[in-house]
Protein backbone atom coordinates (compact mmCIF):
# COMPACT_ATOMS: atom_id res chain seq x y z
CA UNK A 1 55.95 87.74 77.52
CA UNK A 2 57.55 90.83 78.98
CA UNK A 3 56.18 90.34 82.55
CA UNK A 4 57.44 86.74 82.54
CA UNK A 5 61.00 87.88 81.69
CA UNK A 6 60.82 90.56 84.38
CA UNK A 7 59.76 88.02 86.97
CA UNK A 8 62.57 85.67 85.93
CA UNK A 9 65.16 88.44 86.23
CA UNK A 10 63.79 89.54 89.61
CA UNK A 11 63.88 85.97 90.90
CA UNK A 12 67.46 85.53 89.66
CA UNK A 13 68.46 88.82 91.30
CA UNK A 14 66.90 87.82 94.62
CA UNK A 15 68.63 84.43 94.47
CA UNK A 16 71.97 86.15 93.82
CA UNK A 17 71.45 88.55 96.72
CA UNK A 18 70.51 85.70 99.06
CA UNK A 19 74.07 84.39 98.70
CA UNK A 20 75.49 87.70 99.92
CA UNK A 21 74.28 87.34 103.49
CA UNK A 22 76.76 86.52 106.22
CA UNK A 23 76.11 84.67 109.44
CA UNK A 24 77.31 86.37 112.64
CA UNK A 25 80.64 84.99 113.80
CA UNK A 26 80.45 84.46 117.53
CA UNK A 27 82.48 82.28 119.84
CA UNK A 28 79.92 79.68 120.87
CA UNK A 29 82.30 76.84 121.67
CA UNK A 30 82.76 77.95 125.27
CA UNK A 31 86.55 77.91 125.00
CA UNK A 32 88.21 80.15 127.57
CA UNK A 33 90.82 82.18 125.69
CA UNK A 34 91.96 84.56 128.42
CA UNK A 35 94.45 82.20 130.06
CA UNK A 36 98.13 81.95 129.21
CA UNK A 37 99.10 79.42 126.54
CA UNK A 38 101.38 77.45 128.87
CA UNK A 39 98.43 76.72 131.18
CA UNK A 40 97.23 74.10 128.73
CA UNK A 41 93.76 72.90 127.90
CA UNK A 42 93.22 70.40 130.66
CA UNK A 43 93.17 67.50 128.22
CA UNK A 44 95.77 64.73 128.54
CA UNK A 45 96.78 65.02 124.87
CA UNK A 46 100.01 67.02 124.98
CA UNK A 47 103.49 66.83 123.52
CA UNK A 48 105.94 64.63 125.36
CA UNK A 49 108.15 66.60 127.74
CA UNK A 50 105.65 69.37 128.35
CA UNK A 51 103.85 69.64 131.65
CA UNK A 52 100.72 71.74 131.55
CA UNK A 53 100.95 74.78 133.77
CA UNK A 54 104.76 75.08 133.80
CA UNK A 55 106.01 78.08 131.86
CA UNK A 56 109.63 76.85 131.69
CA UNK A 57 108.67 73.52 130.11
CA UNK A 58 106.40 75.38 127.67
CA UNK A 59 109.25 77.64 126.56
CA UNK A 60 111.61 74.68 126.24
CA UNK A 61 109.04 72.82 124.13
CA UNK A 62 108.69 75.84 121.82
CA UNK A 63 112.47 76.11 121.43
CA UNK A 64 112.74 72.41 120.64
CA UNK A 65 109.89 72.59 118.13
CA UNK A 66 111.44 75.62 116.45
CA UNK A 67 114.86 74.02 116.11
CA UNK A 68 113.70 70.57 115.04
CA UNK A 69 110.57 71.20 113.05
CA UNK A 70 110.31 74.74 111.77
CA UNK A 71 113.87 75.63 110.89
CA UNK A 72 114.32 75.16 107.16
CA UNK A 73 118.13 75.38 107.40
CA UNK A 74 118.32 72.26 109.54
CA UNK A 75 115.94 70.37 107.24
CA UNK A 76 118.06 70.98 104.12
CA UNK A 77 121.34 69.77 105.54
């Protein structure tokens, strides 16, 4: 009886330790992250009024987004 309980506890301990492993987190998507944000992604899905590759239009889009969408004071009024 005692060896059976020992085996059960060992199996439960191994099962618990198996959940503690962590997969390596690598960037496998192939996304190039070393370019400036205003350069864009190359996809046609972009906010209206923003031209990919133009820094001035990028900054203007961020200002507009900040004022209209992320400013809680303007939302409350």
